[in-house]
Amino acid sequence: MKLTKNLGMFLLGIWLILAGLLPLLRITIPFSDTVLALLAIAAGVVILLKPVKPTTKLGVLLLSIWLIATGLLPLLSVNIPTSDIILGLLAIAAGIVILLGGKGS
C-alpha cells in the first residue's frame, strides 16, 4: 500500500485501531479524544478530496461526512440532542452502501 496514494484510508485505519483499543484496554492517554477527533477529520477530508470510482461515490461521501462530523462535534463542544442517532444512521447508511458496492449511487 502506497501511503500517499491511500492516505485517507491509512488515517481511517489508525483512527479505527485507536478508537477500538483505547476503551478496550482501558488506556487513558492525555488528549486522546482530541487526537482521535483530529484523525477522524483528517481522514474524512482526505477521503472526500480523493477521486473515487462512481460505484462507491455515495458510500465514500457518507463515510467522509460521518468522519468529519464525528471529529468536529467533540472538538467544537457542540451539543445536538439527536447527534448520536443521526451519526448512527449515517454510519449505517454508509456501511450498507459501501457493502453493496455503491448501488443506489
C-alpha atoms as a PDB file:
ATOM      1  CA  MET A   1       0.000   0.000   0.000  1.00  0.00           C
ATOM      2  CA  LYS A   2       1.431   3.342  -1.012  1.00  0.00           C
ATOM      3  CA  LEU A   3       0.929   5.754   1.856  1.00  0.00           C
ATOM      4  CA  THR A   4       0.474   8.817  -0.338  1.00  0.00           C
ATOM      5  CA  LYS A   5      -1.985   7.034  -2.575  1.00  0.00           C
ATOM      6  CA  ASN A   6      -4.130   5.776   0.308  1.00  0.00           C
ATOM      7  CA  LEU A   7      -3.535   8.435   2.976  1.00  0.00           C
ATOM      8  CA  GLY A   8      -7.244   8.743   3.799  1.00  0.00           C
ATOM      9  CA  MET A   9      -7.622   5.010   4.323  1.00  0.00           C
ATOM     10  CA  PHE A  10      -4.372   4.916   6.322  1.00  0.00           C
ATOM     11  CA  LEU A  11      -5.653   7.654   8.641  1.00  0.00           C
ATOM     12  CA  LEU A  12      -9.015   5.889   8.887  1.00  0.00           C
ATOM     13  CA  GLY A  13      -7.246   2.642   9.802  1.00  0.00           C
ATOM     14  CA  ILE A  14      -5.194   4.331  12.526  1.00  0.00           C
ATOM     15  CA  TRP A  15      -8.338   6.020  13.877  1.00  0.00           C
ATOM     16  CA  LEU A  16     -10.263   2.732  13.925  1.00  0.00           C
ATOM     17  CA  ILE A  17      -7.456   0.875  15.709  1.00  0.00           C
ATOM     18  CA  LEU A  18      -7.038   3.588  18.355  1.00  0.00           C
ATOM     19  CA  ALA A  19     -10.793   4.078  18.786  1.00  0.00           C
ATOM     20  CA  GLY A  20     -11.127   0.342  19.420  1.00  0.00           C
ATOM     21  CA  LEU A  21      -8.022  -0.295  21.503  1.00  0.00           C
ATOM     22  CA  LEU A  22      -8.143   2.615  23.944  1.00  0.00           C
ATOM     23  CA  PRO A  23     -11.501   1.749  25.531  1.00  0.00           C
ATOM     24  CA  LEU A  24     -10.955  -1.993  25.160  1.00  0.00           C
ATOM     25  CA  LEU A  25      -7.667  -1.896  27.048  1.00  0.00           C
ATOM     26  CA  ARG A  26      -8.922   0.875  29.330  1.00  0.00           C
ATOM     27  CA  ILE A  27      -5.960   3.023  28.408  1.00  0.00           C
ATOM     28  CA  THR A  28      -6.121   6.730  29.085  1.00  0.00           C
ATOM     29  CA  ILE A  29      -3.760   8.964  27.175  1.00  0.00           C
ATOM     30  CA  PRO A  30      -3.757  12.731  27.647  1.00  0.00           C
ATOM     31  CA  PHE A  31      -5.541  14.434  24.760  1.00  0.00           C
ATOM     32  CA  SER A  32      -6.567  11.113  23.191  1.00  0.00           C
ATOM     33  CA  ASP A  33     -10.071  12.447  22.486  1.00  0.00           C
ATOM     34  CA  THR A  34      -8.586  15.415  20.649  1.00  0.00           C
ATOM     35  CA  VAL A  35      -6.159  13.221  18.710  1.00  0.00           C
ATOM     36  CA  LEU A  36      -8.956  10.837  17.691  1.00  0.00           C
ATOM     37  CA  ALA A  37     -11.157  13.747  16.650  1.00  0.00           C
ATOM     38  CA  LEU A  38      -8.385  15.276  14.529  1.00  0.00           C
ATOM     39  CA  LEU A  39      -7.602  11.891  12.939  1.00  0.00           C
ATOM     40  CA  ALA A  40     -11.279  11.430  12.047  1.00  0.00           C
ATOM     41  CA  ILE A  41     -11.480  14.900  10.500  1.00  0.00           C
ATOM     42  CA  ALA A  42      -8.234  14.410   8.562  1.00  0.00           C
ATOM     43  CA  ALA A  43      -9.320  11.003   7.259  1.00  0.00           C
ATOM     44  CA  GLY A  44     -12.718  12.352   6.238  1.00  0.00           C
ATOM     45  CA  VAL A  45     -11.273  15.364   4.416  1.00  0.00           C
ATOM     46  CA  VAL A  46      -8.565  13.353   2.621  1.00  0.00           C
ATOM     47  CA  ILE A  47     -11.050  10.656   1.587  1.00  0.00           C
ATOM     48  CA  LEU A  48     -13.542  13.309   0.442  1.00  0.00           C
ATOM     49  CA  LEU A  49     -10.917  15.071  -1.691  1.00  0.00           C
ATOM     50  CA  LYS A  50      -9.668  11.881  -3.366  1.00  0.00           C
ATOM     51  CA  PRO A  51     -11.444  10.934  -6.584  1.00  0.00           C
ATOM     52  CA  VAL A  52     -13.281   7.623  -6.254  1.00  0.00           C
ATOM     53  CA  LYS A  53     -14.948   5.204  -8.599  1.00  0.00           C
ATOM     54  CA  PRO A  54     -18.539   6.126  -9.423  1.00  0.00           C
ATOM     55  CA  THR A  55     -19.722   2.815  -7.951  1.00  0.00           C
ATOM     56  CA  THR A  56     -18.526   3.779  -4.473  1.00  0.00           C
ATOM     57  CA  LYS A  57     -19.031   7.550  -4.589  1.00  0.00           C
ATOM     58  CA  LEU A  58     -22.144   7.707  -2.378  1.00  0.00           C
ATOM     59  CA  GLY A  59     -20.759   5.364   0.271  1.00  0.00           C
ATOM     60  CA  VAL A  60     -17.455   7.216   0.428  1.00  0.00           C
ATOM     61  CA  LEU A  61     -19.258  10.558   0.600  1.00  0.00           C
ATOM     62  CA  LEU A  62     -21.384   9.339   3.533  1.00  0.00           C
ATOM     63  CA  LEU A  63     -18.303   7.888   5.247  1.00  0.00           C
ATOM     64  CA  SER A  64     -16.432  11.179   4.829  1.00  0.00           C
ATOM     65  CA  ILE A  65     -19.312  13.208   6.242  1.00  0.00           C
ATOM     66  CA  TRP A  66     -19.594  10.813   9.181  1.00  0.00           C
ATOM     67  CA  LEU A  67     -15.855  11.022   9.932  1.00  0.00           C
ATOM     68  CA  ILE A  68     -15.795  14.820   9.775  1.00  0.00           C
ATOM     69  CA  ALA A  69     -18.919  15.167  11.939  1.00  0.00           C
ATOM     70  CA  THR A  70     -17.615  12.572  14.419  1.00  0.00           C
ATOM     71  CA  GLY A  71     -14.417  14.571  14.775  1.00  0.00           C
ATOM     72  CA  LEU A  72     -15.899  18.066  14.792  1.00  0.00           C
ATOM     73  CA  LEU A  73     -18.697  17.625  17.324  1.00  0.00           C
ATOM     74  CA  PRO A  74     -16.442  16.874  20.312  1.00  0.00           C
ATOM     75  CA  LEU A  75     -13.803  19.415  19.277  1.00  0.00           C
ATOM     76  CA  LEU A  76     -16.331  22.231  18.986  1.00  0.00           C
ATOM     77  CA  SER A  77     -18.230  21.076  22.083  1.00  0.00           C
ATOM     78  CA  VAL A  78     -21.431  21.180  20.056  1.00  0.00           C
ATOM     79  CA  ASN A  79     -24.394  19.551  21.770  1.00  0.00           C
ATOM     80  CA  ILE A  80     -27.012  18.439  19.264  1.00  0.00           C
ATOM     81  CA  PRO A  81     -29.688  16.450  21.128  1.00  0.00           C
ATOM     82  CA  THR A  82     -30.059  13.729  18.493  1.00  0.00           C
ATOM     83  CA  SER A  83     -26.497  13.739  17.111  1.00  0.00           C
ATOM     84  CA  ASP A  84     -25.843  10.168  18.286  1.00  0.00           C
ATOM     85  CA  ILE A  85     -28.906   8.939  16.377  1.00  0.00           C
ATOM     86  CA  ILE A  86     -28.056  10.991  13.280  1.00  0.00           C
ATOM     87  CA  LEU A  87     -24.433   9.796  13.283  1.00  0.00           C
ATOM     88  CA  GLY A  88     -25.549   6.206  13.861  1.00  0.00           C
ATOM     89  CA  LEU A  89     -27.951   6.321  10.921  1.00  0.00           C
ATOM     90  CA  LEU A  90     -25.297   7.962   8.748  1.00  0.00           C
ATOM     91  CA  ALA A  91     -22.800   5.239   9.683  1.00  0.00           C
ATOM     92  CA  ILE A  92     -25.337   2.508   8.894  1.00  0.00           C
ATOM     93  CA  ALA A  93     -26.194   4.091   5.549  1.00  0.00           C
ATOM     94  CA  ALA A  94     -22.500   4.473   4.629  1.00  0.00           C
ATOM     95  CA  GLY A  95     -21.774   0.878   5.601  1.00  0.00           C
ATOM     96  CA  ILE A  96     -24.714  -0.527   3.646  1.00  0.00           C
ATOM     97  CA  VAL A  97     -23.916   1.482   0.520  1.00  0.00           C
ATOM     98  CA  ILE A  98     -20.227   0.544   0.671  1.00  0.00           C
ATOM     99  CA  LEU A  99     -21.031  -3.153   1.230  1.00  0.00           C
ATOM    100  CA  LEU A 100     -23.476  -3.173  -1.663  1.00  0.00           C
ATOM    101  CA  GLY A 101     -20.776  -1.753  -3.909  1.00  0.00           C
ATOM    102  CA  GLY A 102     -22.372   1.646  -4.313  1.00  0.00           C
ATOM    103  CA  LYS A 103     -25.730   0.532  -5.662  1.00  0.00           C
ATOM    104  CA  GLY A 104     -28.058   3.472  -5.467  1.00  0.00           C
ATOM    105  CA  SER A 105     -25.290   5.995  -6.038  1.00  0.00           C
END
